[in-house]
N, C-alpha and C. Protein backbone atom coordinates (compact mmCIF):
# COMPACT_ATOMS: atom_id res chain seq x y z
N MET A 1 0.83 -1.19 0.00
CA MET A 1 0.00 0.00 0.00
C MET A 1 0.87 1.26 0.00
N ILE A 2 1.90 1.28 0.81
CA ILE A 2 2.80 2.43 0.86
C ILE A 2 3.53 2.58 -0.47
N PHE A 3 3.89 1.47 -1.06
CA PHE A 3 4.58 1.50 -2.36
C PHE A 3 3.69 2.12 -3.44
N ILE A 4 2.41 1.76 -3.45
CA ILE A 4 1.47 2.31 -4.42
C ILE A 4 1.29 3.81 -4.20
N LEU A 5 1.20 4.22 -2.94
CA LEU A 5 1.07 5.63 -2.62
C LEU A 5 2.31 6.40 -3.08
N PHE A 6 3.48 5.81 -2.86
CA PHE A 6 4.73 6.42 -3.30
C PHE A 6 4.74 6.59 -4.82
N LEU A 7 4.30 5.58 -5.55
CA LEU A 7 4.25 5.66 -7.01
C LEU A 7 3.27 6.74 -7.48
N LEU A 8 2.14 6.84 -6.82
CA LEU A 8 1.16 7.86 -7.19
C LEU A 8 1.71 9.27 -6.96
N ILE A 9 2.37 9.47 -5.83
CA ILE A 9 2.97 10.78 -5.54
C ILE A 9 4.04 11.11 -6.58
N LYS A 10 4.85 10.12 -6.91
CA LYS A 10 5.90 10.31 -7.91
C LYS A 10 5.29 10.66 -9.27
N LEU A 11 4.23 9.99 -9.64
CA LEU A 11 3.55 10.25 -10.90
C LEU A 11 2.97 11.68 -10.94
N VAL A 12 2.35 12.09 -9.85
CA VAL A 12 1.77 13.44 -9.77
C VAL A 12 2.87 14.49 -9.88
N LEU A 13 3.98 14.29 -9.19
CA LEU A 13 5.09 15.24 -9.26
C LEU A 13 5.68 15.30 -10.67
N LEU A 14 5.78 14.16 -11.31
CA LEU A 14 6.28 14.12 -12.68
C LEU A 14 5.35 14.88 -13.62
N CYS A 15 4.06 14.70 -13.46
CA CYS A 15 3.09 15.42 -14.29
C CYS A 15 3.19 16.93 -14.07
N ILE A 16 3.32 17.35 -12.83
CA ILE A 16 3.47 18.78 -12.52
C ILE A 16 4.73 19.32 -13.16
N LEU A 17 5.83 18.60 -13.07
CA LEU A 17 7.08 19.03 -13.66
C LEU A 17 6.96 19.14 -15.17
N MET A 18 6.30 18.18 -15.80
CA MET A 18 6.12 18.22 -17.25
C MET A 18 5.29 19.42 -17.66
N GLU A 19 4.25 19.74 -16.90
CA GLU A 19 3.42 20.89 -17.21
C GLU A 19 4.21 22.18 -17.07
N ILE A 20 5.05 22.28 -16.06
CA ILE A 20 5.87 23.47 -15.87
C ILE A 20 6.81 23.64 -17.04
N LEU A 21 7.42 22.55 -17.50
CA LEU A 21 8.35 22.63 -18.63
C LEU A 21 7.64 23.02 -19.92
N VAL A 22 6.43 22.51 -20.11
CA VAL A 22 5.68 22.77 -21.34
C VAL A 22 5.18 24.22 -21.38
N ILE A 23 4.84 24.78 -20.24
CA ILE A 23 4.28 26.12 -20.19
C ILE A 23 5.26 27.15 -20.75
N PHE A 24 6.53 26.92 -20.59
CA PHE A 24 7.51 27.93 -20.96
C PHE A 24 8.16 27.67 -22.31
N MET A 25 7.41 27.21 -23.29
CA MET A 25 7.97 26.95 -24.61
C MET A 25 8.10 28.25 -25.40
N LYS A 26 9.28 28.44 -25.97
CA LYS A 26 9.54 29.59 -26.84
C LYS A 26 9.65 29.08 -28.27
N ILE A 27 9.06 29.83 -29.19
CA ILE A 27 8.99 29.39 -30.58
C ILE A 27 9.52 30.47 -31.51
N ILE A 28 10.23 30.02 -32.54
CA ILE A 28 10.61 30.88 -33.66
C ILE A 28 9.82 30.38 -34.87
N PHE A 29 8.92 31.23 -35.38
CA PHE A 29 8.23 30.92 -36.62
C PHE A 29 9.19 31.32 -37.73
N LEU A 30 9.63 30.34 -38.51
CA LEU A 30 10.73 30.54 -39.44
C LEU A 30 10.30 30.48 -40.90
N ASP A 31 10.52 31.60 -41.58
CA ASP A 31 10.42 31.65 -43.03
C ASP A 31 11.77 31.19 -43.57
N PHE A 32 11.83 30.76 -44.79
CA PHE A 32 13.11 30.34 -45.36
C PHE A 32 13.67 31.39 -46.30
N ASN A 33 12.95 31.65 -47.40
CA ASN A 33 13.45 32.60 -48.40
C ASN A 33 13.55 34.00 -47.81
N GLY A 34 14.75 34.58 -47.92
CA GLY A 34 14.99 35.91 -47.39
C GLY A 34 15.48 35.90 -45.95
N ILE A 35 15.43 34.76 -45.30
CA ILE A 35 15.89 34.64 -43.91
C ILE A 35 17.14 33.77 -43.85
N LEU A 36 17.08 32.57 -44.39
CA LEU A 36 18.23 31.67 -44.35
C LEU A 36 19.01 31.64 -45.66
N ASP A 37 18.40 32.12 -46.73
CA ASP A 37 19.16 32.23 -47.98
C ASP A 37 19.50 33.70 -48.21
N THR A 38 20.05 34.03 -49.35
CA THR A 38 20.39 35.42 -49.67
C THR A 38 19.86 35.74 -51.06
N ASN A 39 19.79 37.02 -51.38
CA ASN A 39 19.35 37.43 -52.72
C ASN A 39 20.28 36.90 -53.79
N GLU A 40 21.57 36.77 -53.45
CA GLU A 40 22.55 36.28 -54.42
C GLU A 40 22.42 34.78 -54.66
N ASN A 41 22.01 34.04 -53.65
CA ASN A 41 21.90 32.58 -53.74
C ASN A 41 20.55 32.12 -53.20
N MET A 42 19.51 32.38 -53.97
CA MET A 42 18.16 31.98 -53.54
C MET A 42 18.07 30.46 -53.40
N ASN A 43 17.32 30.02 -52.40
CA ASN A 43 17.06 28.61 -52.13
C ASN A 43 18.29 27.81 -51.71
N ILE A 44 19.35 28.50 -51.31
CA ILE A 44 20.54 27.83 -50.77
C ILE A 44 20.78 28.39 -49.37
N ILE A 45 20.87 27.52 -48.38
CA ILE A 45 21.06 27.97 -47.00
C ILE A 45 22.41 28.66 -46.87
N ASN A 46 22.37 29.88 -46.38
CA ASN A 46 23.57 30.67 -46.15
C ASN A 46 24.12 30.32 -44.76
N ASN A 47 25.37 29.89 -44.69
CA ASN A 47 25.94 29.45 -43.41
C ASN A 47 25.97 30.55 -42.36
N ASP A 48 26.22 31.79 -42.75
CA ASP A 48 26.22 32.89 -41.79
C ASP A 48 24.83 33.10 -41.18
N ASN A 49 23.82 33.04 -42.04
CA ASN A 49 22.44 33.21 -41.55
C ASN A 49 22.04 32.05 -40.64
N LEU A 50 22.47 30.84 -41.00
CA LEU A 50 22.18 29.68 -40.16
C LEU A 50 22.88 29.80 -38.81
N SER A 51 24.11 30.30 -38.81
CA SER A 51 24.83 30.51 -37.55
C SER A 51 24.14 31.53 -36.66
N ARG A 52 23.60 32.56 -37.27
CA ARG A 52 22.85 33.57 -36.50
C ARG A 52 21.61 32.95 -35.85
N LEU A 53 20.90 32.13 -36.63
CA LEU A 53 19.73 31.44 -36.08
C LEU A 53 20.13 30.53 -34.93
N LYS A 54 21.23 29.82 -35.10
CA LYS A 54 21.69 28.90 -34.05
C LYS A 54 22.01 29.67 -32.77
N ARG A 55 22.63 30.83 -32.89
CA ARG A 55 22.94 31.64 -31.70
C ARG A 55 21.67 32.09 -30.99
N ILE A 56 20.66 32.45 -31.77
CA ILE A 56 19.38 32.85 -31.18
C ILE A 56 18.78 31.67 -30.42
N VAL A 57 18.78 30.49 -31.04
CA VAL A 57 18.22 29.29 -30.41
C VAL A 57 18.99 28.94 -29.14
N GLU A 58 20.30 28.98 -29.20
CA GLU A 58 21.12 28.64 -28.03
C GLU A 58 20.90 29.63 -26.88
N SER A 59 20.75 30.89 -27.21
CA SER A 59 20.62 31.88 -26.14
C SER A 59 19.21 31.97 -25.57
N THR A 60 18.22 31.47 -26.31
CA THR A 60 16.83 31.57 -25.83
C THR A 60 16.20 30.24 -25.47
N GLY A 61 16.76 29.15 -25.99
CA GLY A 61 16.13 27.85 -25.80
C GLY A 61 14.90 27.64 -26.67
N ALA A 62 14.75 28.48 -27.68
CA ALA A 62 13.58 28.40 -28.55
C ALA A 62 13.64 27.19 -29.47
N LYS A 63 12.47 26.79 -29.93
CA LYS A 63 12.32 25.73 -30.92
C LYS A 63 11.70 26.35 -32.17
N VAL A 64 11.81 25.66 -33.29
CA VAL A 64 11.37 26.23 -34.57
C VAL A 64 10.07 25.61 -35.04
N VAL A 65 9.20 26.46 -35.55
CA VAL A 65 8.02 26.05 -36.30
C VAL A 65 8.20 26.63 -37.70
N VAL A 66 8.16 25.78 -38.71
CA VAL A 66 8.34 26.23 -40.09
C VAL A 66 7.05 26.90 -40.56
N SER A 67 7.18 28.19 -40.91
CA SER A 67 6.03 28.93 -41.43
C SER A 67 6.22 29.30 -42.90
N SER A 68 7.33 28.91 -43.46
CA SER A 68 7.67 29.22 -44.84
C SER A 68 6.75 28.50 -45.81
N SER A 69 6.58 29.09 -46.97
CA SER A 69 5.75 28.46 -48.00
C SER A 69 6.36 27.16 -48.52
N ILE A 70 7.64 26.89 -48.23
CA ILE A 70 8.24 25.64 -48.70
C ILE A 70 7.63 24.42 -48.01
N LYS A 71 6.85 24.62 -46.96
CA LYS A 71 6.22 23.50 -46.27
C LYS A 71 4.87 23.12 -46.87
N THR A 72 4.40 23.86 -47.87
CA THR A 72 3.05 23.67 -48.40
C THR A 72 2.79 22.25 -48.88
N GLY A 73 3.67 21.69 -49.70
CA GLY A 73 3.46 20.33 -50.19
C GLY A 73 3.41 19.31 -49.08
N TYR A 74 4.22 19.51 -48.04
CA TYR A 74 4.24 18.57 -46.92
C TYR A 74 2.94 18.65 -46.12
N VAL A 75 2.51 19.86 -45.81
CA VAL A 75 1.31 20.04 -45.00
C VAL A 75 0.07 19.55 -45.74
N LEU A 76 -0.02 19.86 -47.04
CA LEU A 76 -1.22 19.49 -47.80
C LEU A 76 -1.21 18.03 -48.28
N TYR A 77 -0.04 17.53 -48.67
CA TYR A 77 0.00 16.22 -49.33
C TYR A 77 0.91 15.20 -48.66
N GLY A 78 1.62 15.61 -47.60
CA GLY A 78 2.51 14.69 -46.91
C GLY A 78 3.80 14.42 -47.65
N ARG A 79 4.13 15.25 -48.65
CA ARG A 79 5.36 15.07 -49.42
C ARG A 79 6.31 16.24 -49.15
N MET A 80 7.52 15.91 -48.73
CA MET A 80 8.53 16.95 -48.52
C MET A 80 9.27 17.20 -49.82
N ASN A 81 9.39 18.48 -50.17
CA ASN A 81 10.20 18.80 -51.34
C ASN A 81 11.68 18.82 -50.93
N THR A 82 12.54 18.89 -51.90
CA THR A 82 13.98 18.84 -51.65
C THR A 82 14.44 19.97 -50.74
N LEU A 83 13.92 21.16 -50.95
CA LEU A 83 14.32 22.31 -50.15
C LEU A 83 13.91 22.15 -48.69
N LEU A 84 12.72 21.66 -48.44
CA LEU A 84 12.27 21.44 -47.06
C LEU A 84 13.11 20.36 -46.39
N LYS A 85 13.40 19.28 -47.11
CA LYS A 85 14.26 18.22 -46.55
C LYS A 85 15.63 18.77 -46.18
N GLU A 86 16.20 19.58 -47.07
CA GLU A 86 17.52 20.16 -46.78
C GLU A 86 17.46 21.06 -45.56
N LEU A 87 16.41 21.87 -45.47
CA LEU A 87 16.24 22.76 -44.32
C LEU A 87 16.16 21.97 -43.02
N ILE A 88 15.31 20.97 -42.99
CA ILE A 88 15.14 20.16 -41.77
C ILE A 88 16.45 19.48 -41.40
N ASN A 89 17.14 18.91 -42.38
CA ASN A 89 18.41 18.23 -42.10
C ASN A 89 19.47 19.19 -41.58
N ARG A 90 19.57 20.37 -42.18
CA ARG A 90 20.56 21.34 -41.73
C ARG A 90 20.25 21.85 -40.34
N LEU A 91 18.98 22.10 -40.05
CA LEU A 91 18.60 22.54 -38.70
C LEU A 91 18.92 21.44 -37.69
N PHE A 92 18.61 20.21 -38.03
CA PHE A 92 18.92 19.08 -37.16
C PHE A 92 20.42 18.98 -36.91
N ASP A 93 21.22 19.14 -37.96
CA ASP A 93 22.68 19.08 -37.82
C ASP A 93 23.21 20.16 -36.89
N GLU A 94 22.49 21.27 -36.80
CA GLU A 94 22.91 22.40 -35.95
C GLU A 94 22.24 22.35 -34.57
N ASP A 95 21.58 21.22 -34.26
CA ASP A 95 20.85 21.06 -32.98
C ASP A 95 19.75 22.09 -32.80
N ILE A 96 19.10 22.44 -33.90
CA ILE A 96 17.95 23.33 -33.86
C ILE A 96 16.72 22.46 -34.04
N GLU A 97 15.89 22.41 -33.01
CA GLU A 97 14.76 21.49 -33.01
C GLU A 97 13.54 22.09 -33.73
N VAL A 98 13.05 21.37 -34.72
CA VAL A 98 11.82 21.75 -35.42
C VAL A 98 10.68 20.97 -34.78
N VAL A 99 9.69 21.70 -34.24
CA VAL A 99 8.59 21.04 -33.53
C VAL A 99 7.28 21.06 -34.30
N GLY A 100 7.27 21.72 -35.46
CA GLY A 100 6.02 21.72 -36.21
C GLY A 100 6.05 22.62 -37.43
N TYR A 101 4.89 22.68 -38.06
CA TYR A 101 4.67 23.47 -39.27
C TYR A 101 3.33 24.17 -39.12
N THR A 102 3.23 25.38 -39.64
CA THR A 102 1.92 26.02 -39.65
C THR A 102 1.08 25.41 -40.77
N ASN A 103 -0.23 25.47 -40.61
CA ASN A 103 -1.13 24.99 -41.66
C ASN A 103 -1.07 25.93 -42.85
N VAL A 104 -1.59 25.49 -43.97
CA VAL A 104 -1.62 26.31 -45.18
C VAL A 104 -3.00 26.95 -45.27
N LEU A 105 -3.04 28.26 -45.01
CA LEU A 105 -4.29 29.01 -45.06
C LEU A 105 -4.24 30.11 -46.11
N GLY A 106 -3.07 30.31 -46.72
CA GLY A 106 -2.92 31.33 -47.73
C GLY A 106 -2.42 32.67 -47.22
N ASN A 107 -2.41 32.83 -45.90
CA ASN A 107 -1.93 34.07 -45.28
C ASN A 107 -1.08 33.67 -44.08
N ARG A 108 0.19 34.03 -44.12
CA ARG A 108 1.11 33.59 -43.08
C ARG A 108 0.70 34.07 -41.69
N GLU A 109 0.21 35.29 -41.60
CA GLU A 109 -0.22 35.82 -40.30
C GLU A 109 -1.35 34.96 -39.72
N GLU A 110 -2.33 34.63 -40.55
CA GLU A 110 -3.44 33.78 -40.09
C GLU A 110 -2.93 32.39 -39.70
N GLU A 111 -1.97 31.88 -40.45
CA GLU A 111 -1.41 30.55 -40.14
C GLU A 111 -0.74 30.55 -38.77
N ILE A 112 -0.01 31.61 -38.46
CA ILE A 112 0.68 31.71 -37.17
C ILE A 112 -0.33 31.89 -36.04
N ILE A 113 -1.33 32.73 -36.26
CA ILE A 113 -2.37 32.94 -35.25
C ILE A 113 -3.09 31.63 -34.95
N GLU A 114 -3.40 30.87 -36.00
CA GLU A 114 -4.06 29.58 -35.80
C GLU A 114 -3.16 28.62 -35.00
N TYR A 115 -1.87 28.58 -35.34
CA TYR A 115 -0.93 27.70 -34.63
C TYR A 115 -0.86 28.08 -33.16
N LEU A 116 -0.75 29.36 -32.87
CA LEU A 116 -0.69 29.81 -31.48
C LEU A 116 -1.97 29.45 -30.73
N GLY A 117 -3.11 29.58 -31.41
CA GLY A 117 -4.39 29.25 -30.78
C GLY A 117 -4.53 27.78 -30.42
N SER A 118 -3.85 26.92 -31.16
CA SER A 118 -3.95 25.49 -30.89
C SER A 118 -2.77 24.96 -30.07
N HIS A 119 -1.88 25.86 -29.64
CA HIS A 119 -0.72 25.47 -28.82
C HIS A 119 -0.57 26.41 -27.63
N PRO A 120 -1.42 26.24 -26.63
CA PRO A 120 -1.36 27.14 -25.46
C PRO A 120 -0.06 27.01 -24.66
N GLU A 121 0.72 25.99 -24.92
CA GLU A 121 1.98 25.82 -24.21
C GLU A 121 3.05 26.81 -24.65
N ILE A 122 2.79 27.53 -25.73
CA ILE A 122 3.77 28.51 -26.22
C ILE A 122 3.67 29.76 -25.36
N ASP A 123 4.76 30.05 -24.69
CA ASP A 123 4.83 31.17 -23.76
C ASP A 123 5.29 32.45 -24.45
N ASP A 124 6.18 32.30 -25.42
CA ASP A 124 6.76 33.45 -26.10
C ASP A 124 7.12 33.03 -27.51
N TYR A 125 7.09 33.97 -28.44
CA TYR A 125 7.43 33.64 -29.82
C TYR A 125 7.95 34.86 -30.55
N VAL A 126 8.61 34.58 -31.66
CA VAL A 126 9.06 35.60 -32.58
C VAL A 126 8.85 35.07 -34.00
N VAL A 127 8.62 35.98 -34.92
CA VAL A 127 8.44 35.60 -36.32
C VAL A 127 9.62 36.13 -37.11
N LEU A 128 10.38 35.23 -37.73
CA LEU A 128 11.47 35.63 -38.62
C LEU A 128 10.97 35.48 -40.05
N ASP A 129 10.65 36.59 -40.67
CA ASP A 129 10.04 36.58 -41.99
C ASP A 129 10.43 37.86 -42.71
N ASP A 130 10.63 37.78 -44.01
CA ASP A 130 10.99 38.97 -44.77
C ASP A 130 9.82 39.61 -45.47
N ASP A 131 8.62 39.07 -45.31
CA ASP A 131 7.43 39.67 -45.93
C ASP A 131 6.81 40.72 -45.03
């Protein structure tokens, strides 16, 4: 009986800890074109820009949600295009965690608002976008 009570208390404390950790999620809504590439080399990840993003992530503990239009085929049809695959792989290589994608609604602002509305665990966010 004492053992079961101990397990229940441990479970409750674990749940409380998980909720505390989830409440403080920071998100970067990330566009690709104009943010990670350059005008000179469109659709190619610029290492300097990627390093800047990594510094932001390291200093804030933020995670990434892809809001770029390059996610459209994946969100609508479940197919990743080459550019999205490269982006995800490069972010992963830099220890930048991608936790999701915004839906395709035709307006990036609406897509971000919808994502925030369905993820109350997001405590703080920033939008990196050139539009």
